[in-house]
Amino acid sequence: MSAELTGTYLTLDDGRPAVRFTRTYDHPIDRVWQFVTDTDELAHWFPCRAEIELRVAGTIKFSDDPNTVDSTGRVLAVDAPRHLSFSWEGDELHFDLEELDEKRTRFTLTNVLVEENTAARNGAGWEVCLMALDAWARGERFEGPHAGDTAPWHELYRGYVGAGVPSGASVPGMDDAS
């Protein structure tokens, strides 16, 4: 399997580095909003358990990741069902949903990075997570970030590095990120 990279590395207007992913789901916007905000839905694709207090300045509890300690973040913006952004260990995650018609929604995830050298690592991680979300949206199951060594993370990471995306950050829970 060759790595099919769907993320884009970019520099935002304010100079911060980011990785961005876009998908189109055959679901109404309210359903895709559930994928992004509901703890039980997030469990199918997000890299850890996330419990969101869905209001500006609300707390998000991140837990149950065997490779990192539990942490909290803050909701930065909410415009249901179109936008959610929150902080997570210094980074920001922005979810933007656009209703294409009553049955289809464009989903955009932008991970604004504190450190540029995390771009390849995070890009590969989000690829795996979004594979799981893509499957879940189709009514299928893919373990995604919970698949351990069977997830295609290493190959995707090598693909991002090979594409010149900034790399070199440590990878929690792994001795060798290559």
N, C-alpha and C. Protein backbone atom coordinates (compact mmCIF):
# COMPACT_ATOMS: atom_id res chain seq x y z
N MET A 1 0.85 -1.18 0.00
CA MET A 1 0.00 0.00 0.00
C MET A 1 0.89 1.24 0.00
N SER A 2 0.69 2.12 -0.98
CA SER A 2 1.42 3.38 -0.94
C SER A 2 0.56 4.40 -0.21
N ALA A 3 1.22 5.29 0.47
CA ALA A 3 0.52 6.27 1.30
C ALA A 3 -0.19 7.29 0.42
N GLU A 4 -1.49 7.38 0.56
CA GLU A 4 -2.27 8.41 -0.13
C GLU A 4 -2.51 9.53 0.88
N LEU A 5 -1.83 10.63 0.67
CA LEU A 5 -1.89 11.74 1.61
C LEU A 5 -3.01 12.68 1.21
N THR A 6 -3.88 13.00 2.17
CA THR A 6 -5.00 13.89 1.89
C THR A 6 -4.87 15.22 2.62
N GLY A 7 -3.88 15.35 3.46
CA GLY A 7 -3.69 16.58 4.21
C GLY A 7 -2.82 17.56 3.45
N THR A 8 -2.98 18.82 3.79
CA THR A 8 -2.19 19.89 3.20
C THR A 8 -1.47 20.63 4.32
N TYR A 9 -0.18 20.83 4.15
CA TYR A 9 0.58 21.64 5.08
C TYR A 9 0.50 23.08 4.59
N LEU A 10 0.23 24.01 5.50
CA LEU A 10 0.12 25.40 5.10
C LEU A 10 0.56 26.32 6.22
N THR A 11 0.78 27.57 5.86
CA THR A 11 1.04 28.63 6.82
C THR A 11 -0.17 29.55 6.78
N LEU A 12 -0.79 29.74 7.93
CA LEU A 12 -1.98 30.59 8.01
C LEU A 12 -1.60 32.05 7.83
N ASP A 13 -2.59 32.89 7.60
CA ASP A 13 -2.35 34.32 7.41
C ASP A 13 -1.60 34.95 8.58
N ASP A 14 -1.78 34.41 9.78
CA ASP A 14 -1.10 34.96 10.95
C ASP A 14 0.30 34.37 11.16
N GLY A 15 0.75 33.54 10.20
CA GLY A 15 2.10 32.98 10.25
C GLY A 15 2.22 31.64 10.94
N ARG A 16 1.13 31.13 11.53
CA ARG A 16 1.20 29.84 12.24
C ARG A 16 1.12 28.68 11.25
N PRO A 17 1.90 27.61 11.51
CA PRO A 17 1.82 26.43 10.66
C PRO A 17 0.57 25.61 10.98
N ALA A 18 0.09 24.88 9.98
CA ALA A 18 -1.12 24.06 10.17
C ALA A 18 -1.13 22.91 9.17
N VAL A 19 -1.92 21.89 9.48
CA VAL A 19 -2.26 20.85 8.52
C VAL A 19 -3.78 20.86 8.39
N ARG A 20 -4.25 20.67 7.16
CA ARG A 20 -5.70 20.77 6.90
C ARG A 20 -6.16 19.58 6.06
N PHE A 21 -7.35 19.11 6.40
CA PHE A 21 -7.98 17.97 5.73
C PHE A 21 -9.42 18.34 5.39
N THR A 22 -9.88 17.92 4.22
CA THR A 22 -11.26 18.17 3.83
C THR A 22 -11.88 16.86 3.34
N ARG A 23 -13.10 16.63 3.75
CA ARG A 23 -13.88 15.47 3.33
C ARG A 23 -15.29 15.93 2.99
N THR A 24 -15.99 15.14 2.19
CA THR A 24 -17.41 15.35 1.96
C THR A 24 -18.13 14.09 2.43
N TYR A 25 -19.12 14.30 3.30
CA TYR A 25 -19.88 13.19 3.84
C TYR A 25 -21.31 13.23 3.34
N ASP A 26 -21.84 12.07 3.04
CA ASP A 26 -23.22 11.94 2.58
C ASP A 26 -24.16 11.88 3.77
N HIS A 27 -24.10 12.94 4.56
CA HIS A 27 -24.95 13.09 5.74
C HIS A 27 -25.32 14.56 5.87
N PRO A 28 -26.48 14.84 6.44
CA PRO A 28 -26.83 16.23 6.71
C PRO A 28 -25.87 16.84 7.73
N ILE A 29 -25.79 18.15 7.71
CA ILE A 29 -24.84 18.85 8.57
C ILE A 29 -25.03 18.53 10.06
N ASP A 30 -26.28 18.35 10.50
CA ASP A 30 -26.51 18.04 11.92
C ASP A 30 -25.90 16.69 12.31
N ARG A 31 -25.91 15.74 11.39
CA ARG A 31 -25.31 14.43 11.67
C ARG A 31 -23.79 14.55 11.75
N VAL A 32 -23.19 15.29 10.84
CA VAL A 32 -21.74 15.47 10.86
C VAL A 32 -21.33 16.25 12.11
N TRP A 33 -22.16 17.20 12.54
CA TRP A 33 -21.90 17.92 13.79
C TRP A 33 -21.82 16.95 14.96
N GLN A 34 -22.66 15.93 14.96
CA GLN A 34 -22.59 14.91 16.01
C GLN A 34 -21.25 14.18 15.97
N PHE A 35 -20.76 13.87 14.78
CA PHE A 35 -19.46 13.20 14.67
C PHE A 35 -18.38 14.01 15.38
N VAL A 36 -18.50 15.33 15.35
CA VAL A 36 -17.48 16.24 15.86
C VAL A 36 -17.66 16.58 17.33
N THR A 37 -18.88 16.52 17.85
CA THR A 37 -19.13 17.04 19.19
C THR A 37 -19.61 16.02 20.22
N ASP A 38 -20.14 14.91 19.80
CA ASP A 38 -20.71 13.93 20.71
C ASP A 38 -19.63 12.95 21.17
N THR A 39 -19.47 12.79 22.46
CA THR A 39 -18.43 11.93 23.02
C THR A 39 -18.51 10.51 22.46
N ASP A 40 -19.71 9.95 22.35
CA ASP A 40 -19.85 8.58 21.85
C ASP A 40 -19.50 8.48 20.37
N GLU A 41 -19.79 9.51 19.60
CA GLU A 41 -19.42 9.53 18.18
C GLU A 41 -17.92 9.72 18.02
N LEU A 42 -17.34 10.61 18.79
CA LEU A 42 -15.90 10.85 18.73
C LEU A 42 -15.12 9.57 19.05
N ALA A 43 -15.68 8.73 19.89
CA ALA A 43 -14.99 7.49 20.29
C ALA A 43 -14.68 6.60 19.10
N HIS A 44 -15.39 6.76 17.99
CA HIS A 44 -15.17 5.93 16.81
C HIS A 44 -14.00 6.40 15.96
N TRP A 45 -13.53 7.63 16.19
CA TRP A 45 -12.49 8.13 15.29
C TRP A 45 -11.46 9.06 15.93
N PHE A 46 -11.78 9.75 16.99
CA PHE A 46 -10.86 10.70 17.59
C PHE A 46 -9.76 9.94 18.32
N PRO A 47 -8.54 10.48 18.42
CA PRO A 47 -7.44 9.69 18.98
C PRO A 47 -7.53 9.35 20.46
N CYS A 48 -8.42 10.01 21.19
CA CYS A 48 -8.61 9.70 22.61
C CYS A 48 -10.06 10.03 22.97
N ARG A 49 -10.42 9.72 24.19
CA ARG A 49 -11.76 10.11 24.65
C ARG A 49 -11.78 11.62 24.82
N ALA A 50 -12.82 12.26 24.29
CA ALA A 50 -12.96 13.71 24.40
C ALA A 50 -14.37 14.03 24.87
N GLU A 51 -14.44 14.67 26.02
CA GLU A 51 -15.73 15.10 26.57
C GLU A 51 -15.75 16.63 26.51
N ILE A 52 -16.68 17.16 25.70
CA ILE A 52 -16.69 18.58 25.39
C ILE A 52 -17.83 19.29 26.09
N GLU A 53 -17.50 20.32 26.83
CA GLU A 53 -18.49 21.24 27.39
C GLU A 53 -18.71 22.29 26.29
N LEU A 54 -19.76 22.11 25.52
CA LEU A 54 -19.96 22.80 24.24
C LEU A 54 -20.43 24.25 24.43
N ARG A 55 -19.49 25.09 24.85
CA ARG A 55 -19.72 26.54 24.97
C ARG A 55 -18.36 27.21 24.96
N VAL A 56 -18.30 28.45 24.53
CA VAL A 56 -17.04 29.17 24.52
C VAL A 56 -16.46 29.17 25.94
N ALA A 57 -15.19 28.87 26.04
CA ALA A 57 -14.44 28.73 27.29
C ALA A 57 -14.79 27.46 28.05
N GLY A 58 -15.63 26.59 27.46
CA GLY A 58 -15.94 25.31 28.08
C GLY A 58 -14.71 24.42 28.11
N THR A 59 -14.73 23.47 29.03
CA THR A 59 -13.61 22.55 29.20
C THR A 59 -13.80 21.32 28.31
N ILE A 60 -12.69 20.84 27.79
CA ILE A 60 -12.67 19.56 27.09
C ILE A 60 -11.71 18.66 27.86
N LYS A 61 -12.20 17.50 28.23
CA LYS A 61 -11.37 16.52 28.94
C LYS A 61 -10.91 15.47 27.93
N PHE A 62 -9.60 15.31 27.82
CA PHE A 62 -8.99 14.31 26.95
C PHE A 62 -8.45 13.20 27.84
N SER A 63 -8.85 11.96 27.57
CA SER A 63 -8.42 10.85 28.41
C SER A 63 -8.36 9.56 27.61
N ASP A 64 -7.87 8.52 28.26
CA ASP A 64 -7.85 7.16 27.72
C ASP A 64 -6.95 6.99 26.50
N ASP A 65 -5.87 7.76 26.42
CA ASP A 65 -4.85 7.54 25.40
C ASP A 65 -3.68 6.87 26.11
N PRO A 66 -3.34 5.63 25.73
CA PRO A 66 -2.28 4.93 26.45
C PRO A 66 -0.90 5.57 26.29
N ASN A 67 -0.76 6.49 25.34
CA ASN A 67 0.55 7.08 25.07
C ASN A 67 0.75 8.47 25.67
N THR A 68 -0.29 9.06 26.22
CA THR A 68 -0.17 10.39 26.80
C THR A 68 -0.97 10.46 28.09
N VAL A 69 -0.67 11.46 28.89
CA VAL A 69 -1.41 11.66 30.14
C VAL A 69 -2.71 12.39 29.83
N ASP A 70 -3.70 12.21 30.69
CA ASP A 70 -4.96 12.92 30.55
C ASP A 70 -4.69 14.42 30.60
N SER A 71 -5.48 15.18 29.86
CA SER A 71 -5.29 16.63 29.82
C SER A 71 -6.63 17.31 29.59
N THR A 72 -6.59 18.63 29.63
CA THR A 72 -7.80 19.40 29.34
C THR A 72 -7.46 20.46 28.30
N GLY A 73 -8.50 20.89 27.61
CA GLY A 73 -8.39 21.98 26.65
C GLY A 73 -9.55 22.92 26.86
N ARG A 74 -9.62 23.95 26.06
CA ARG A 74 -10.69 24.95 26.16
C ARG A 74 -11.35 25.13 24.81
N VAL A 75 -12.66 25.26 24.84
CA VAL A 75 -13.40 25.59 23.62
C VAL A 75 -13.11 27.04 23.29
N LEU A 76 -12.67 27.29 22.07
CA LEU A 76 -12.33 28.64 21.63
C LEU A 76 -13.48 29.32 20.91
N ALA A 77 -14.26 28.53 20.15
CA ALA A 77 -15.40 29.08 19.41
C ALA A 77 -16.39 27.98 19.10
N VAL A 78 -17.67 28.33 19.11
CA VAL A 78 -18.75 27.41 18.75
C VAL A 78 -19.77 28.18 17.94
N ASP A 79 -20.12 27.64 16.79
CA ASP A 79 -21.21 28.16 15.98
C ASP A 79 -21.94 26.93 15.42
N ALA A 80 -22.74 26.31 16.28
CA ALA A 80 -23.42 25.06 15.91
C ALA A 80 -24.37 25.31 14.75
N PRO A 81 -24.43 24.42 13.80
CA PRO A 81 -23.61 23.23 13.57
C PRO A 81 -22.51 23.47 12.54
N ARG A 82 -21.93 24.64 12.51
CA ARG A 82 -20.98 24.98 11.45
C ARG A 82 -19.51 25.05 11.87
N HIS A 83 -19.25 25.38 13.12
CA HIS A 83 -17.85 25.55 13.52
C HIS A 83 -17.65 25.20 15.00
N LEU A 84 -16.54 24.52 15.24
CA LEU A 84 -16.06 24.26 16.59
C LEU A 84 -14.55 24.37 16.56
N SER A 85 -13.99 25.10 17.50
CA SER A 85 -12.53 25.11 17.65
C SER A 85 -12.20 25.02 19.13
N PHE A 86 -11.08 24.32 19.40
CA PHE A 86 -10.65 24.18 20.78
C PHE A 86 -9.14 23.99 20.84
N SER A 87 -8.60 24.24 22.03
CA SER A 87 -7.17 24.04 22.26
C SER A 87 -6.94 22.62 22.76
N TRP A 88 -5.78 22.09 22.40
CA TRP A 88 -5.39 20.75 22.85
C TRP A 88 -3.86 20.72 22.92
N GLU A 89 -3.34 20.72 24.13
CA GLU A 89 -1.90 20.68 24.39
C GLU A 89 -1.16 21.73 23.56
N GLY A 90 -1.70 22.93 23.52
CA GLY A 90 -1.07 24.04 22.82
C GLY A 90 -1.53 24.22 21.39
N ASP A 91 -1.84 23.13 20.71
CA ASP A 91 -2.37 23.22 19.35
C ASP A 91 -3.82 23.68 19.40
N GLU A 92 -4.34 24.05 18.25
CA GLU A 92 -5.77 24.33 18.10
C GLU A 92 -6.33 23.40 17.04
N LEU A 93 -7.53 22.91 17.28
CA LEU A 93 -8.26 22.14 16.28
C LEU A 93 -9.48 22.95 15.87
N HIS A 94 -9.66 23.10 14.56
CA HIS A 94 -10.80 23.83 14.01
C HIS A 94 -11.58 22.87 13.12
N PHE A 95 -12.86 22.73 13.39
CA PHE A 95 -13.75 21.91 12.59
C PHE A 95 -14.75 22.85 11.93
N ASP A 96 -14.76 22.86 10.60
CA ASP A 96 -15.70 23.70 9.86
C ASP A 96 -16.57 22.79 9.00
N LEU A 97 -17.88 22.99 9.11
CA LEU A 97 -18.84 22.19 8.36
C LEU A 97 -19.62 23.11 7.43
N GLU A 98 -19.75 22.68 6.19
CA GLU A 98 -20.50 23.45 5.20
C GLU A 98 -21.56 22.55 4.58
N GLU A 99 -22.79 22.97 4.69
CA GLU A 99 -23.90 22.21 4.11
C GLU A 99 -23.86 22.38 2.60
N LEU A 100 -23.67 21.28 1.88
CA LEU A 100 -23.65 21.33 0.42
C LEU A 100 -25.05 21.20 -0.15
N ASP A 101 -25.84 20.37 0.47
CA ASP A 101 -27.27 20.24 0.20
C ASP A 101 -27.85 19.54 1.43
N GLU A 102 -29.12 19.20 1.40
CA GLU A 102 -29.72 18.65 2.62
C GLU A 102 -29.16 17.30 3.05
N LYS A 103 -28.41 16.64 2.18
CA LYS A 103 -27.88 15.32 2.51
C LYS A 103 -26.37 15.22 2.48
N ARG A 104 -25.67 16.32 2.17
CA ARG A 104 -24.20 16.26 2.07
C ARG A 104 -23.56 17.44 2.78
N THR A 105 -22.43 17.15 3.41
CA THR A 105 -21.73 18.16 4.19
C THR A 105 -20.23 18.09 3.90
N ARG A 106 -19.64 19.26 3.69
CA ARG A 106 -18.18 19.36 3.58
C ARG A 106 -17.64 19.57 4.99
N PHE A 107 -16.68 18.74 5.36
CA PHE A 107 -16.03 18.73 6.68
C PHE A 107 -14.58 19.16 6.47
N THR A 108 -14.15 20.16 7.21
CA THR A 108 -12.75 20.58 7.15
C THR A 108 -12.18 20.59 8.55
N LEU A 109 -11.06 19.91 8.72
CA LEU A 109 -10.32 19.89 9.98
C LEU A 109 -9.00 20.61 9.75
N THR A 110 -8.76 21.64 10.55
CA THR A 110 -7.48 22.33 10.51
C THR A 110 -6.83 22.20 11.88
N ASN A 111 -5.63 21.62 11.90
CA ASN A 111 -4.84 21.50 13.12
C ASN A 111 -3.77 22.59 13.07
N VAL A 112 -3.99 23.65 13.87
CA VAL A 112 -3.02 24.74 13.96
C VAL A 112 -1.96 24.29 14.96
N LEU A 113 -0.72 24.31 14.52
CA LEU A 113 0.38 23.71 15.26
C LEU A 113 1.17 24.73 16.07
N VAL A 114 1.54 24.35 17.28
CA VAL A 114 2.44 25.18 18.08
C VAL A 114 3.85 25.06 17.51
N GLU A 115 4.24 23.85 17.15
CA GLU A 115 5.59 23.59 16.63
C GLU A 115 5.49 23.08 15.20
N GLU A 116 6.20 23.72 14.31
CA GLU A 116 6.18 23.34 12.89
C GLU A 116 6.61 21.89 12.68
N ASN A 117 7.59 21.41 13.48
CA ASN A 117 8.11 20.06 13.27
C ASN A 117 7.13 18.95 13.64
N THR A 118 5.93 19.30 14.11
CA THR A 118 4.90 18.30 14.39
C THR A 118 3.99 18.05 13.19
N ALA A 119 4.20 18.77 12.10
CA ALA A 119 3.28 18.69 10.95
C ALA A 119 3.18 17.29 10.36
N ALA A 120 4.30 16.64 10.08
CA ALA A 120 4.26 15.29 9.49
C ALA A 120 3.65 14.29 10.46
N ARG A 121 4.06 14.37 11.72
CA ARG A 121 3.51 13.46 12.75
C ARG A 121 2.00 13.62 12.87
N ASN A 122 1.55 14.87 13.05
CA ASN A 122 0.12 15.11 13.22
C ASN A 122 -0.64 14.81 11.94
N GLY A 123 -0.06 15.15 10.79
CA GLY A 123 -0.72 14.84 9.53
C GLY A 123 -0.99 13.35 9.39
N ALA A 124 0.02 12.53 9.68
CA ALA A 124 -0.15 11.08 9.61
C ALA A 124 -1.19 10.60 10.61
N GLY A 125 -1.16 11.16 11.81
CA GLY A 125 -2.14 10.78 12.83
C GLY A 125 -3.56 11.11 12.42
N TRP A 126 -3.76 12.31 11.89
CA TRP A 126 -5.11 12.69 11.45
C TRP A 126 -5.57 11.85 10.27
N GLU A 127 -4.64 11.47 9.39
CA GLU A 127 -5.02 10.58 8.27
C GLU A 127 -5.67 9.30 8.81
N VAL A 128 -5.02 8.70 9.82
CA VAL A 128 -5.55 7.46 10.39
C VAL A 128 -6.90 7.71 11.06
N CYS A 129 -6.98 8.80 11.82
CA CYS A 129 -8.25 9.12 12.49
C CYS A 129 -9.36 9.34 11.46
N LEU A 130 -9.05 10.06 10.40
CA LEU A 130 -10.08 10.34 9.39
C LEU A 130 -10.44 9.12 8.57
N MET A 131 -9.53 8.17 8.42
CA MET A 131 -9.91 6.88 7.81
C MET A 131 -11.01 6.23 8.64
N ALA A 132 -10.85 6.31 9.96
CA ALA A 132 -11.86 5.74 10.85
C ALA A 132 -13.17 6.51 10.75
N LEU A 133 -13.11 7.84 10.68
CA LEU A 133 -14.33 8.64 10.54
C LEU A 133 -14.99 8.36 9.19
N ASP A 134 -14.20 8.26 8.14
CA ASP A 134 -14.76 7.96 6.82
C ASP A 134 -15.53 6.63 6.86
N ALA A 135 -14.91 5.63 7.47
CA ALA A 135 -15.57 4.31 7.59
C ALA A 135 -16.84 4.43 8.43
N TRP A 136 -16.76 5.11 9.57
CA TRP A 136 -17.91 5.26 10.45
C TRP A 136 -19.06 5.97 9.73
N ALA A 137 -18.74 6.98 8.95
CA ALA A 137 -19.76 7.72 8.21
C ALA A 137 -20.44 6.84 7.16
N ARG A 138 -19.73 5.82 6.67
CA ARG A 138 -20.31 4.87 5.71
C ARG A 138 -21.03 3.72 6.41
N GLY A 139 -21.02 3.71 7.74
CA GLY A 139 -21.65 2.63 8.48
C GLY A 139 -20.75 1.43 8.67
N GLU A 140 -19.46 1.61 8.45
CA GLU A 140 -18.48 0.55 8.60
C GLU A 140 -17.64 0.82 9.84
N ARG A 141 -16.75 -0.11 10.14
CA ARG A 141 -15.88 0.06 11.31
C ARG A 141 -14.43 -0.08 10.88
N PHE A 142 -13.61 0.83 11.34
CA PHE A 142 -12.17 0.80 11.14
C PHE A 142 -11.58 1.30 12.45
N GLU A 143 -10.67 0.59 13.01
CA GLU A 143 -10.17 0.93 14.35
C GLU A 143 -9.38 2.23 14.38
N GLY A 144 -8.87 2.66 13.24
CA GLY A 144 -8.19 3.95 13.17
C GLY A 144 -7.12 4.10 14.22
N PRO A 145 -7.20 5.19 14.98
CA PRO A 145 -6.13 5.46 15.94
C PRO A 145 -6.02 4.42 17.04
N HIS A 146 -7.01 3.56 17.14
CA HIS A 146 -7.02 2.54 18.19
C HIS A 146 -6.54 1.18 17.67
N ALA A 147 -6.05 1.17 16.43
CA ALA A 147 -5.65 -0.08 15.79
C ALA A 147 -4.22 -0.51 16.15
N GLY A 148 -3.50 0.33 16.87
CA GLY A 148 -2.13 -0.02 17.25
C GLY A 148 -1.24 -0.18 16.04
N ASP A 149 -0.42 -1.23 16.03
CA ASP A 149 0.55 -1.43 14.96
C ASP A 149 -0.10 -1.75 13.61
N THR A 150 -1.38 -2.09 13.59
CA THR A 150 -2.01 -2.40 12.32
C THR A 150 -2.47 -1.14 11.58
N ALA A 151 -2.49 0.00 12.24
CA ALA A 151 -2.83 1.26 11.58
C ALA A 151 -1.67 1.66 10.66
N PRO A 152 -1.95 2.27 9.53
CA PRO A 152 -0.90 2.58 8.56
C PRO A 152 -0.12 3.86 8.88
N TRP A 153 0.00 4.20 10.16
CA TRP A 153 0.62 5.46 10.54
C TRP A 153 2.05 5.63 10.01
N HIS A 154 2.89 4.62 10.18
CA HIS A 154 4.30 4.72 9.77
C HIS A 154 4.43 5.06 8.29
N GLU A 155 3.68 4.37 7.46
CA GLU A 155 3.75 4.62 6.03
C GLU A 155 3.28 6.03 5.70
N LEU A 156 2.22 6.47 6.34
CA LEU A 156 1.72 7.83 6.11
C LEU A 156 2.74 8.86 6.58
N TYR A 157 3.35 8.61 7.73
CA TYR A 157 4.37 9.52 8.24
C TYR A 157 5.53 9.63 7.23
N ARG A 158 6.00 8.49 6.75
CA ARG A 158 7.08 8.52 5.75
C ARG A 158 6.65 9.29 4.51
N GLY A 159 5.38 9.16 4.12
CA GLY A 159 4.87 9.90 2.97
C GLY A 159 4.92 11.40 3.18
N TYR A 160 4.51 11.84 4.37
CA TYR A 160 4.56 13.27 4.67
C TYR A 160 6.00 13.78 4.71
N VAL A 161 6.89 13.02 5.34
CA VAL A 161 8.30 13.42 5.38
C VAL A 161 8.85 13.50 3.96
N GLY A 162 8.55 12.49 3.15
CA GLY A 162 9.01 12.47 1.77
C GLY A 162 8.46 13.62 0.93
N ALA A 163 7.29 14.11 1.31
CA ALA A 163 6.69 15.25 0.60
C ALA A 163 7.24 16.58 1.10
N GLY A 164 8.18 16.53 2.04
CA GLY A 164 8.80 17.75 2.53
C GLY A 164 8.06 18.46 3.65
N VAL A 165 7.08 17.78 4.24
CA VAL A 165 6.34 18.37 5.35
C VAL A 165 7.26 18.37 6.58
N PRO A 166 7.32 19.48 7.32
CA PRO A 166 8.22 19.54 8.48
C PRO A 166 8.00 18.37 9.44
N SER A 167 9.12 17.81 9.91
CA SER A 167 9.06 16.62 10.77
C SER A 167 10.14 16.73 11.84
N GLY A 168 10.24 15.68 12.64
CA GLY A 168 11.27 15.60 13.65
C GLY A 168 10.76 15.60 15.07
N ALA A 169 9.50 15.89 15.28
CA ALA A 169 8.94 15.90 16.63
C ALA A 169 8.89 14.48 17.19
N SER A 170 8.98 14.38 18.52
CA SER A 170 8.87 13.08 19.15
C SER A 170 7.45 12.54 18.94
N VAL A 171 7.34 11.23 19.02
CA VAL A 171 6.06 10.56 18.84
C VAL A 171 5.72 9.84 20.13
N PRO A 172 4.69 10.32 20.88
CA PRO A 172 4.34 9.68 22.15
C PRO A 172 4.08 8.19 21.98
N GLY A 173 4.69 7.41 22.84
CA GLY A 173 4.47 5.98 22.84
C GLY A 173 5.28 5.20 21.84
N MET A 174 6.13 5.88 21.08
CA MET A 174 6.95 5.18 20.08
C MET A 174 8.39 5.62 20.20
N ASP A 175 9.29 4.67 20.15
CA ASP A 175 10.72 4.99 20.23
C ASP A 175 11.24 5.50 18.90
N ASP A 176 10.64 5.00 17.80
CA ASP A 176 11.15 5.31 16.46
C ASP A 176 9.98 5.79 15.61
N ALA A 177 9.98 7.03 15.20
CA ALA A 177 8.89 7.61 14.41
C ALA A 177 9.14 7.50 12.92
N SER A 178 10.05 6.70 12.50
CA SER A 178 10.32 6.64 11.05
C SER A 178 9.51 5.63 10.39
